[in-house]
Amino acid sequence: SKNRLKKIIVSEGIRKIVGTGFAWVMADQVVLPE
């Protein structure tokens, strides 16, 4: 609960975020691909 990420990078090629995919995640930034 104290581990906050600076960035989450979702790699190119991934097409879907489903369900409660990133619910409750702790990060300064999330980068989603083209």
Full PDB file with SEQRES, HELIX, SHEET, SSBOND, CRYST1, ORIGX, SCALE, CONECT and MASTER records, all heavy atoms in Angstrom:
SEQRES   1 A   34  SER LYS ASN ARG LEU LYS LYS ILE ILE VAL SER GLU GLY          
SEQRES   2 A   34  ILE ARG LYS ILE VAL GLY THR GLY PHE ALA TRP VAL MET          
SEQRES   3 A   34  ALA ASP GLN VAL VAL LEU PRO GLU                              
SHEET    1 AA1 2 LEU A   5  ILE A   9  0                                        
SHEET    2 AA1 2 ALA A  27  VAL A  31  1                                        
CRYST1    1.000    1.000    1.000  90.00  90.00  90.00 P 1           1          
ORIGX1      1.000000  0.000000  0.000000        0.00000                         
ORIGX2      0.000000  1.000000  0.000000        0.00000                         
ORIGX3      0.000000  0.000000  1.000000        0.00000                         
SCALE1      1.000000  0.000000  0.000000        0.00000                         
SCALE2      0.000000  1.000000  0.000000        0.00000                         
SCALE3      0.000000  0.000000  1.000000        0.00000                         
ATOM      1  N   SER A   1       0.804  -1.211   0.000  1.00  0.00           N  
ATOM      2  CA  SER A   1       0.000   0.000   0.000  1.00  0.00           C  
ATOM      3  C   SER A   1       0.845   1.272   0.000  1.00  0.00           C  
ATOM      4  O   SER A   1       0.333   2.347  -0.271  1.00  0.00           O  
ATOM      5  CB  SER A   1      -0.934  -0.005   1.212  1.00  0.00           C  
ATOM      6  OG  SER A   1      -0.186  -0.083   2.411  1.00  0.00           O  
ATOM      7  N   LYS A   2       2.141   1.178   0.306  1.00  0.00           N  
ATOM      8  CA  LYS A   2       3.019   2.343   0.300  1.00  0.00           C  
ATOM      9  C   LYS A   2       3.906   2.402  -0.940  1.00  0.00           C  
ATOM     10  O   LYS A   2       4.705   3.320  -1.093  1.00  0.00           O  
ATOM     11  CB  LYS A   2       3.892   2.334   1.551  1.00  0.00           C  
ATOM     12  CG  LYS A   2       3.100   2.479   2.854  1.00  0.00           C  
ATOM     13  CD  LYS A   2       4.026   2.507   4.058  1.00  0.00           C  
ATOM     14  CE  LYS A   2       3.232   2.651   5.354  1.00  0.00           C  
ATOM     15  NZ  LYS A   2       4.117   2.666   6.547  1.00  0.00           N  
ATOM     16  N   ASN A   3       3.773   1.416  -1.826  1.00  0.00           N  
ATOM     17  CA  ASN A   3       4.601   1.349  -3.029  1.00  0.00           C  
ATOM     18  C   ASN A   3       3.886   2.048  -4.182  1.00  0.00           C  
ATOM     19  O   ASN A   3       2.986   1.484  -4.799  1.00  0.00           O  
ATOM     20  CB  ASN A   3       4.891  -0.105  -3.384  1.00  0.00           C  
ATOM     21  CG  ASN A   3       5.498  -0.265  -4.771  1.00  0.00           C  
ATOM     22  OD1 ASN A   3       4.945  -0.977  -5.600  1.00  0.00           O  
ATOM     23  ND2 ASN A   3       6.608   0.383  -5.020  1.00  0.00           N  
ATOM     24  N   ARG A   4       4.270   3.314  -4.465  1.00  0.00           N  
ATOM     25  CA  ARG A   4       3.663   4.075  -5.551  1.00  0.00           C  
ATOM     26  C   ARG A   4       4.618   4.093  -6.739  1.00  0.00           C  
ATOM     27  O   ARG A   4       5.785   4.480  -6.613  1.00  0.00           O  
ATOM     28  CB  ARG A   4       3.351   5.501  -5.108  1.00  0.00           C  
ATOM     29  CG  ARG A   4       2.653   6.329  -6.182  1.00  0.00           C  
ATOM     30  CD  ARG A   4       2.329   7.720  -5.686  1.00  0.00           C  
ATOM     31  NE  ARG A   4       1.606   8.473  -6.713  1.00  0.00           N  
ATOM     32  CZ  ARG A   4       0.296   8.438  -6.888  1.00  0.00           C  
ATOM     33  NH1 ARG A   4      -0.438   7.671  -6.100  1.00  0.00           N  
ATOM     34  NH2 ARG A   4      -0.295   9.143  -7.827  1.00  0.00           N  
ATOM     35  N   LEU A   5       4.129   3.692  -7.897  1.00  0.00           N  
ATOM     36  CA  LEU A   5       4.941   3.645  -9.103  1.00  0.00           C  
ATOM     37  C   LEU A   5       5.028   5.028  -9.748  1.00  0.00           C  
ATOM     38  O   LEU A   5       4.063   5.798  -9.704  1.00  0.00           O  
ATOM     39  CB  LEU A   5       4.340   2.655 -10.100  1.00  0.00           C  
ATOM     40  CG  LEU A   5       4.313   1.189  -9.651  1.00  0.00           C  
ATOM     41  CD1 LEU A   5       3.305   0.393 -10.453  1.00  0.00           C  
ATOM     42  CD2 LEU A   5       5.705   0.579  -9.781  1.00  0.00           C  
ATOM     43  N   LYS A   6       6.162   5.334 -10.368  1.00  0.00           N  
ATOM     44  CA  LYS A   6       6.271   6.577 -11.123  1.00  0.00           C  
ATOM     45  C   LYS A   6       5.497   6.487 -12.430  1.00  0.00           C  
ATOM     46  O   LYS A   6       4.867   7.449 -12.857  1.00  0.00           O  
ATOM     47  CB  LYS A   6       7.749   6.903 -11.402  1.00  0.00           C  
ATOM     48  CG  LYS A   6       8.513   7.397 -10.193  1.00  0.00           C  
ATOM     49  CD  LYS A   6       9.917   7.829 -10.588  1.00  0.00           C  
ATOM     50  CE  LYS A   6      10.666   8.392  -9.377  1.00  0.00           C  
ATOM     51  NZ  LYS A   6      12.052   8.801  -9.750  1.00  0.00           N  
ATOM     52  N   LYS A   7       5.565   5.317 -13.058  1.00  0.00           N  
ATOM     53  CA  LYS A   7       4.909   5.190 -14.356  1.00  0.00           C  
ATOM     54  C   LYS A   7       4.555   3.733 -14.625  1.00  0.00           C  
ATOM     55  O   LYS A   7       5.288   2.826 -14.249  1.00  0.00           O  
ATOM     56  CB  LYS A   7       5.826   5.707 -15.474  1.00  0.00           C  
ATOM     57  CG  LYS A   7       5.203   5.735 -16.862  1.00  0.00           C  
ATOM     58  CD  LYS A   7       6.189   6.230 -17.911  1.00  0.00           C  
ATOM     59  CE  LYS A   7       6.498   7.695 -17.725  1.00  0.00           C  
ATOM     60  NZ  LYS A   7       7.333   8.213 -18.858  1.00  0.00           N  
ATOM     61  N   ILE A   8       3.411   3.538 -15.254  1.00  0.00           N  
ATOM     62  CA  ILE A   8       3.032   2.235 -15.809  1.00  0.00           C  
ATOM     63  C   ILE A   8       2.939   2.410 -17.314  1.00  0.00           C  
ATOM     64  O   ILE A   8       2.217   3.289 -17.801  1.00  0.00           O  
ATOM     65  CB  ILE A   8       1.693   1.735 -15.252  1.00  0.00           C  
ATOM     66  CG1 ILE A   8       1.795   1.508 -13.749  1.00  0.00           C  
ATOM     67  CG2 ILE A   8       1.262   0.443 -15.951  1.00  0.00           C  
ATOM     68  CD1 ILE A   8       0.480   1.093 -13.108  1.00  0.00           C  
ATOM     69  N   ILE A   9       3.669   1.595 -18.045  1.00  0.00           N  
ATOM     70  CA  ILE A   9       3.667   1.652 -19.502  1.00  0.00           C  
ATOM     71  C   ILE A   9       3.009   0.386 -20.034  1.00  0.00           C  
ATOM     72  O   ILE A   9       3.493  -0.724 -19.796  1.00  0.00           O  
ATOM     73  CB  ILE A   9       5.095   1.784 -20.071  1.00  0.00           C  
ATOM     74  CG1 ILE A   9       5.751   3.065 -19.558  1.00  0.00           C  
ATOM     75  CG2 ILE A   9       5.063   1.770 -21.600  1.00  0.00           C  
ATOM     76  CD1 ILE A   9       7.216   3.203 -19.943  1.00  0.00           C  
ATOM     77  N   VAL A  10       1.890   0.539 -20.727  1.00  0.00           N  
ATOM     78  CA  VAL A  10       1.220  -0.586 -21.364  1.00  0.00           C  
ATOM     79  C   VAL A  10       1.786  -0.708 -22.784  1.00  0.00           C  
ATOM     80  O   VAL A  10       1.655   0.218 -23.585  1.00  0.00           O  
ATOM     81  CB  VAL A  10      -0.305  -0.388 -21.396  1.00  0.00           C  
ATOM     82  CG1 VAL A  10      -0.989  -1.578 -22.060  1.00  0.00           C  
ATOM     83  CG2 VAL A  10      -0.841  -0.193 -19.972  1.00  0.00           C  
ATOM     84  N   SER A  11       2.416  -1.822 -23.082  1.00  0.00           N  
ATOM     85  CA  SER A  11       3.168  -1.962 -24.334  1.00  0.00           C  
ATOM     86  C   SER A  11       2.276  -1.958 -25.566  1.00  0.00           C  
ATOM     87  O   SER A  11       1.091  -2.327 -25.514  1.00  0.00           O  
ATOM     88  CB  SER A  11       3.983  -3.256 -24.301  1.00  0.00           C  
ATOM     89  OG  SER A  11       5.004  -3.182 -23.335  1.00  0.00           O  
ATOM     90  N   GLU A  12       2.874  -1.556 -26.666  1.00  0.00           N  
ATOM     91  CA  GLU A  12       2.191  -1.549 -27.949  1.00  0.00           C  
ATOM     92  C   GLU A  12       1.775  -2.972 -28.318  1.00  0.00           C  
ATOM     93  O   GLU A  12       2.515  -3.920 -28.089  1.00  0.00           O  
ATOM     94  CB  GLU A  12       3.119  -0.975 -29.026  1.00  0.00           C  
ATOM     95  CG  GLU A  12       2.424  -0.539 -30.287  1.00  0.00           C  
ATOM     96  CD  GLU A  12       1.446   0.604 -30.043  1.00  0.00           C  
ATOM     97  OE1 GLU A  12       1.819   1.570 -29.335  1.00  0.00           O  
ATOM     98  OE2 GLU A  12       0.313   0.523 -30.548  1.00  0.00           O  
ATOM     99  N   GLY A  13       0.586  -3.097 -28.872  1.00  0.00           N  
ATOM    100  CA  GLY A  13       0.046  -4.404 -29.233  1.00  0.00           C  
ATOM    101  C   GLY A  13      -1.100  -4.829 -28.329  1.00  0.00           C  
ATOM    102  O   GLY A  13      -1.980  -5.590 -28.737  1.00  0.00           O  
ATOM    103  N   ILE A  14      -1.109  -4.332 -27.086  1.00  0.00           N  
ATOM    104  CA  ILE A  14      -2.190  -4.643 -26.148  1.00  0.00           C  
ATOM    105  C   ILE A  14      -3.413  -3.810 -26.536  1.00  0.00           C  
ATOM    106  O   ILE A  14      -3.318  -2.608 -26.767  1.00  0.00           O  
ATOM    107  CB  ILE A  14      -1.763  -4.353 -24.700  1.00  0.00           C  
ATOM    108  CG1 ILE A  14      -0.597  -5.288 -24.325  1.00  0.00           C  
ATOM    109  CG2 ILE A  14      -2.930  -4.527 -23.743  1.00  0.00           C  
ATOM    110  CD1 ILE A  14       0.002  -5.016 -22.978  1.00  0.00           C  
ATOM    111  N   ARG A  15      -4.581  -4.475 -26.593  1.00  0.00           N  
ATOM    112  CA  ARG A  15      -5.766  -3.834 -27.165  1.00  0.00           C  
ATOM    113  C   ARG A  15      -6.857  -3.489 -26.154  1.00  0.00           C  
ATOM    114  O   ARG A  15      -7.696  -2.638 -26.431  1.00  0.00           O  
ATOM    115  CB  ARG A  15      -6.368  -4.722 -28.269  1.00  0.00           C  
ATOM    116  CG  ARG A  15      -5.462  -4.841 -29.497  1.00  0.00           C  
ATOM    117  CD  ARG A  15      -6.156  -5.571 -30.627  1.00  0.00           C  
ATOM    118  NE  ARG A  15      -7.437  -4.984 -30.991  1.00  0.00           N  
ATOM    119  CZ  ARG A  15      -7.590  -3.893 -31.737  1.00  0.00           C  
ATOM    120  NH1 ARG A  15      -6.513  -3.246 -32.180  1.00  0.00           N  
ATOM    121  NH2 ARG A  15      -8.791  -3.441 -32.029  1.00  0.00           N  
ATOM    122  N   LYS A  16      -6.871  -4.142 -24.993  1.00  0.00           N  
ATOM    123  CA  LYS A  16      -8.001  -3.936 -24.090  1.00  0.00           C  
ATOM    124  C   LYS A  16      -7.569  -3.831 -22.625  1.00  0.00           C  
ATOM    125  O   LYS A  16      -6.671  -4.546 -22.195  1.00  0.00           O  
ATOM    126  CB  LYS A  16      -9.009  -5.082 -24.225  1.00  0.00           C  
ATOM    127  CG  LYS A  16      -9.710  -5.164 -25.569  1.00  0.00           C  
ATOM    128  CD  LYS A  16     -10.718  -6.308 -25.573  1.00  0.00           C  
ATOM    129  CE  LYS A  16     -11.462  -6.396 -26.899  1.00  0.00           C  
ATOM    130  NZ  LYS A  16     -12.454  -7.501 -26.891  1.00  0.00           N  
ATOM    131  N   ILE A  17      -8.244  -2.946 -21.884  1.00  0.00           N  
ATOM    132  CA  ILE A  17      -8.214  -2.934 -20.426  1.00  0.00           C  
ATOM    133  C   ILE A  17      -9.609  -3.385 -20.000  1.00  0.00           C  
ATOM    134  O   ILE A  17     -10.603  -2.719 -20.321  1.00  0.00           O  
ATOM    135  CB  ILE A  17      -7.922  -1.536 -19.856  1.00  0.00           C  
ATOM    136  CG1 ILE A  17      -6.699  -0.903 -20.532  1.00  0.00           C  
ATOM    137  CG2 ILE A  17      -7.753  -1.601 -18.343  1.00  0.00           C  
ATOM    138  CD1 ILE A  17      -5.416  -1.632 -20.295  1.00  0.00           C  
ATOM    139  N   VAL A  18      -9.732  -4.513 -19.323  1.00  0.00           N  
ATOM    140  CA  VAL A  18     -11.045  -5.099 -19.056  1.00  0.00           C  
ATOM    141  C   VAL A  18     -11.309  -5.233 -17.557  1.00  0.00           C  
ATOM    142  O   VAL A  18     -10.389  -5.214 -16.737  1.00  0.00           O  
ATOM    143  CB  VAL A  18     -11.176  -6.493 -19.725  1.00  0.00           C  
ATOM    144  CG1 VAL A  18     -11.054  -6.377 -21.229  1.00  0.00           C  
ATOM    145  CG2 VAL A  18     -10.125  -7.459 -19.185  1.00  0.00           C  
ATOM    146  N   GLY A  19     -12.594  -5.394 -17.212  1.00  0.00           N  
ATOM    147  CA  GLY A  19     -12.977  -5.558 -15.823  1.00  0.00           C  
ATOM    148  C   GLY A  19     -12.475  -4.402 -14.974  1.00  0.00           C  
ATOM    149  O   GLY A  19     -12.470  -3.242 -15.391  1.00  0.00           O  
ATOM    150  N   THR A  20     -12.042  -4.707 -13.779  1.00  0.00           N  
ATOM    151  CA  THR A  20     -11.464  -3.696 -12.895  1.00  0.00           C  
ATOM    152  C   THR A  20      -9.944  -3.704 -13.040  1.00  0.00           C  
ATOM    153  O   THR A  20      -9.198  -3.801 -12.070  1.00  0.00           O  
ATOM    154  CB  THR A  20     -11.874  -3.964 -11.429  1.00  0.00           C  
ATOM    155  OG1 THR A  20     -11.639  -5.345 -11.125  1.00  0.00           O  
ATOM    156  CG2 THR A  20     -13.338  -3.673 -11.215  1.00  0.00           C  
ATOM    157  N   GLY A  21      -9.502  -3.592 -14.286  1.00  0.00           N  
ATOM    158  CA  GLY A  21      -8.099  -3.771 -14.636  1.00  0.00           C  
ATOM    159  C   GLY A  21      -7.110  -2.961 -13.840  1.00  0.00           C  
ATOM    160  O   GLY A  21      -6.155  -3.495 -13.278  1.00  0.00           O  
ATOM    161  N   PHE A  22      -7.304  -1.636 -13.769  1.00  0.00           N  
ATOM    162  CA  PHE A  22      -6.378  -0.766 -13.041  1.00  0.00           C  
ATOM    163  C   PHE A  22      -7.041  -0.132 -11.820  1.00  0.00           C  
ATOM    164  O   PHE A  22      -6.587   0.905 -11.335  1.00  0.00           O  
ATOM    165  CB  PHE A  22      -5.819   0.310 -13.962  1.00  0.00           C  
ATOM    166  CG  PHE A  22      -4.740  -0.191 -14.883  1.00  0.00           C  
ATOM    167  CD1 PHE A  22      -4.807   0.039 -16.248  1.00  0.00           C  
ATOM    168  CD2 PHE A  22      -3.665  -0.903 -14.383  1.00  0.00           C  
ATOM    169  CE1 PHE A  22      -3.816  -0.424 -17.101  1.00  0.00           C  
ATOM    170  CE2 PHE A  22      -2.672  -1.371 -15.229  1.00  0.00           C  
ATOM    171  CZ  PHE A  22      -2.747  -1.128 -16.594  1.00  0.00           C  
ATOM    172  N   ALA A  23      -8.095  -0.748 -11.332  1.00  0.00           N  
ATOM    173  CA  ALA A  23      -8.711  -0.241 -10.110  1.00  0.00           C  
ATOM    174  C   ALA A  23      -7.702  -0.324  -8.963  1.00  0.00           C  
ATOM    175  O   ALA A  23      -6.966  -1.299  -8.847  1.00  0.00           O  
ATOM    176  CB  ALA A  23      -9.953  -1.060  -9.776  1.00  0.00           C  
ATOM    177  N   TRP A  24      -7.626   0.726  -8.157  1.00  0.00           N  
ATOM    178  CA  TRP A  24      -6.793   0.816  -6.952  1.00  0.00           C  
ATOM    179  C   TRP A  24      -5.290   0.882  -7.223  1.00  0.00           C  
ATOM    180  O   TRP A  24      -4.503   0.904  -6.293  1.00  0.00           O  
ATOM    181  CB  TRP A  24      -7.077  -0.355  -5.996  1.00  0.00           C  
ATOM    182  CG  TRP A  24      -8.532  -0.626  -5.902  1.00  0.00           C  
ATOM    183  CD1 TRP A  24      -9.477   0.169  -5.304  1.00  0.00           C  
ATOM    184  CD2 TRP A  24      -9.229  -1.715  -6.459  1.00  0.00           C  
ATOM    185  NE1 TRP A  24     -10.719  -0.379  -5.461  1.00  0.00           N  
ATOM    186  CE2 TRP A  24     -10.600  -1.544  -6.168  1.00  0.00           C  
ATOM    187  CE3 TRP A  24      -8.846  -2.847  -7.179  1.00  0.00           C  
ATOM    188  CZ2 TRP A  24     -11.582  -2.439  -6.567  1.00  0.00           C  
ATOM    189  CZ3 TRP A  24      -9.820  -3.750  -7.586  1.00  0.00           C  
ATOM    190  CH2 TRP A  24     -11.166  -3.531  -7.277  1.00  0.00           C  
ATOM    191  N   VAL A  25      -4.869   0.951  -8.483  1.00  0.00           N  
ATOM    192  CA  VAL A  25      -3.447   1.057  -8.759  1.00  0.00           C  
ATOM    193  C   VAL A  25      -2.941   2.416  -8.293  1.00  0.00           C  
ATOM    194  O   VAL A  25      -3.660   3.410  -8.330  1.00  0.00           O  
ATOM    195  CB  VAL A  25      -3.151   0.854 -10.264  1.00  0.00           C  
ATOM    196  CG1 VAL A  25      -3.667   2.027 -11.080  1.00  0.00           C  
ATOM    197  CG2 VAL A  25      -1.658   0.671 -10.510  1.00  0.00           C  
ATOM    198  N   MET A  26      -1.688   2.455  -7.834  1.00  0.00           N  
ATOM    199  CA  MET A  26      -1.074   3.703  -7.379  1.00  0.00           C  
ATOM    200  C   MET A  26       0.115   4.019  -8.278  1.00  0.00           C  
ATOM    201  O   MET A  26       1.117   3.299  -8.274  1.00  0.00           O  
ATOM    202  CB  MET A  26      -0.615   3.558  -5.928  1.00  0.00           C  
ATOM    203  CG  MET A  26      -1.757   3.314  -4.955  1.00  0.00           C  
ATOM    204  SD  MET A  26      -1.197   3.159  -3.235  1.00  0.00           S  
ATOM    205  CE  MET A  26      -0.266   1.626  -3.320  1.00  0.00           C  
ATOM    206  N   ALA A  27      -0.001   5.086  -9.071  1.00  0.00           N  
ATOM    207  CA  ALA A  27       1.060   5.463 -10.001  1.00  0.00           C  
ATOM    208  C   ALA A  27       0.921   6.938 -10.354  1.00  0.00           C  
ATOM    209  O   ALA A  27      -0.193   7.470 -10.415  1.00  0.00           O  
ATOM    210  CB  ALA A  27       1.000   4.616 -11.262  1.00  0.00           C  
ATOM    211  N   ASP A  28       2.046   7.588 -10.606  1.00  0.00           N  
ATOM    212  CA  ASP A  28       2.000   8.986 -11.035  1.00  0.00           C  
ATOM    213  C   ASP A  28       1.408   9.109 -12.430  1.00  0.00           C  
ATOM    214  O   ASP A  28       0.700  10.068 -12.735  1.00  0.00           O  
ATOM    215  CB  ASP A  28       3.405   9.596 -11.021  1.00  0.00           C  
ATOM    216  CG  ASP A  28       3.973   9.713  -9.611  1.00  0.00           C  
ATOM    217  OD1 ASP A  28       3.173   9.725  -8.651  1.00  0.00           O  
ATOM    218  OD2 ASP A  28       5.208   9.778  -9.474  1.00  0.00           O  
ATOM    219  N   GLN A  29       1.711   8.119 -13.294  1.00  0.00           N  
ATOM    220  CA  GLN A  29       1.266   8.198 -14.684  1.00  0.00           C  
ATOM    221  C   GLN A  29       1.043   6.808 -15.257  1.00  0.00           C  
ATOM    222  O   GLN A  29       1.764   5.864 -14.937  1.00  0.00           O  
ATOM    223  CB  GLN A  29       2.305   8.952 -15.518  1.00  0.00           C  
ATOM    224  CG  GLN A  29       1.893   9.261 -16.942  1.00  0.00           C  
ATOM    225  CD  GLN A  29       2.943  10.063 -17.687  1.00  0.00           C  
ATOM    226  OE1 GLN A  29       3.796   9.518 -18.387  1.00  0.00           O  
ATOM    227  NE2 GLN A  29       2.889  11.377 -17.540  1.00  0.00           N  
ATOM    228  N   VAL A  30       0.028   6.690 -16.114  1.00  0.00           N  
ATOM    229  CA  VAL A  30      -0.211   5.476 -16.884  1.00  0.00           C  
ATOM    230  C   VAL A  30      -0.220   5.859 -18.355  1.00  0.00           C  
ATOM    231  O   VAL A  30      -0.947   6.783 -18.761  1.00  0.00           O  
ATOM    232  CB  VAL A  30      -1.542   4.803 -16.514  1.00  0.00           C  
ATOM    233  CG1 VAL A  30      -1.847   3.642 -17.461  1.00  0.00           C  
ATOM    234  CG2 VAL A  30      -1.506   4.286 -15.072  1.00  0.00           C  
ATOM    235  N   VAL A  31       0.588   5.178 -19.156  1.00  0.00           N  
ATOM    236  CA  VAL A  31       0.695   5.462 -20.586  1.00  0.00           C  
ATOM    237  C   VAL A  31       0.076   4.297 -21.352  1.00  0.00           C  
ATOM    238  O   VAL A  31       0.517   3.153 -21.235  1.00  0.00           O  
ATOM    239  CB  VAL A  31       2.165   5.661 -21.022  1.00  0.00           C  
ATOM    240  CG1 VAL A  31       2.231   5.949 -22.517  1.00  0.00           C  
ATOM    241  CG2 VAL A  31       2.800   6.800 -20.223  1.00  0.00           C  
ATOM    242  N   LEU A  32      -0.968   4.596 -22.137  1.00  0.00           N  
ATOM    243  CA  LEU A  32      -1.697   3.582 -22.892  1.00  0.00           C  
ATOM    244  C   LEU A  32      -1.294   3.649 -24.369  1.00  0.00           C  
ATOM    245  O   LEU A  32      -1.137   4.742 -24.913  1.00  0.00           O  
ATOM    246  CB  LEU A  32      -3.204   3.790 -22.738  1.00  0.00           C  
ATOM    247  CG  LEU A  32      -3.702   3.784 -21.281  1.00  0.00           C  
ATOM    248  CD1 LEU A  32      -5.187   4.138 -21.223  1.00  0.00           C  
ATOM    249  CD2 LEU A  32      -3.448   2.435 -20.624  1.00  0.00           C  
ATOM    250  N   PRO A  33      -1.153   2.514 -25.048  1.00  0.00           N  
ATOM    251  CA  PRO A  33      -0.554   2.482 -26.387  1.00  0.00           C  
ATOM    252  C   PRO A  33      -1.511   2.894 -27.502  1.00  0.00           C  
ATOM    253  O   PRO A  33      -2.738   2.957 -27.314  1.00  0.00           O  
ATOM    254  CB  PRO A  33      -0.164   1.006 -26.538  1.00  0.00           C  
ATOM    255  CG  PRO A  33      -1.213   0.276 -25.755  1.00  0.00           C  
ATOM    256  CD  PRO A  33      -1.489   1.156 -24.561  1.00  0.00           C  
ATOM    257  N   GLU A  34      -0.955   3.147 -28.681  1.00  0.00           N  
ATOM    258  CA  GLU A  34      -1.757   3.441 -29.868  1.00  0.00           C  
ATOM    259  C   GLU A  34      -2.659   2.283 -30.238  1.00  0.00           C  
ATOM    260  O   GLU A  34      -3.739   2.470 -30.803  1.00  0.00           O  
ATOM    261  CB  GLU A  34      -0.847   3.793 -31.049  1.00  0.00           C  
ATOM    262  CG  GLU A  34      -0.140   5.127 -30.932  1.00  0.00           C  
ATOM    263  CD  GLU A  34       0.631   5.480 -32.189  1.00  0.00           C  
ATOM    264  OE1 GLU A  34       0.142   5.136 -33.298  1.00  0.00           O  
ATOM    265  OE2 GLU A  34       1.715   6.075 -32.086  1.00  0.00           O  
TER     266      GLU A  34                                                      
MASTER        0    0    0    0    2    0    0    6  265    1    0    3          
END                                                                             
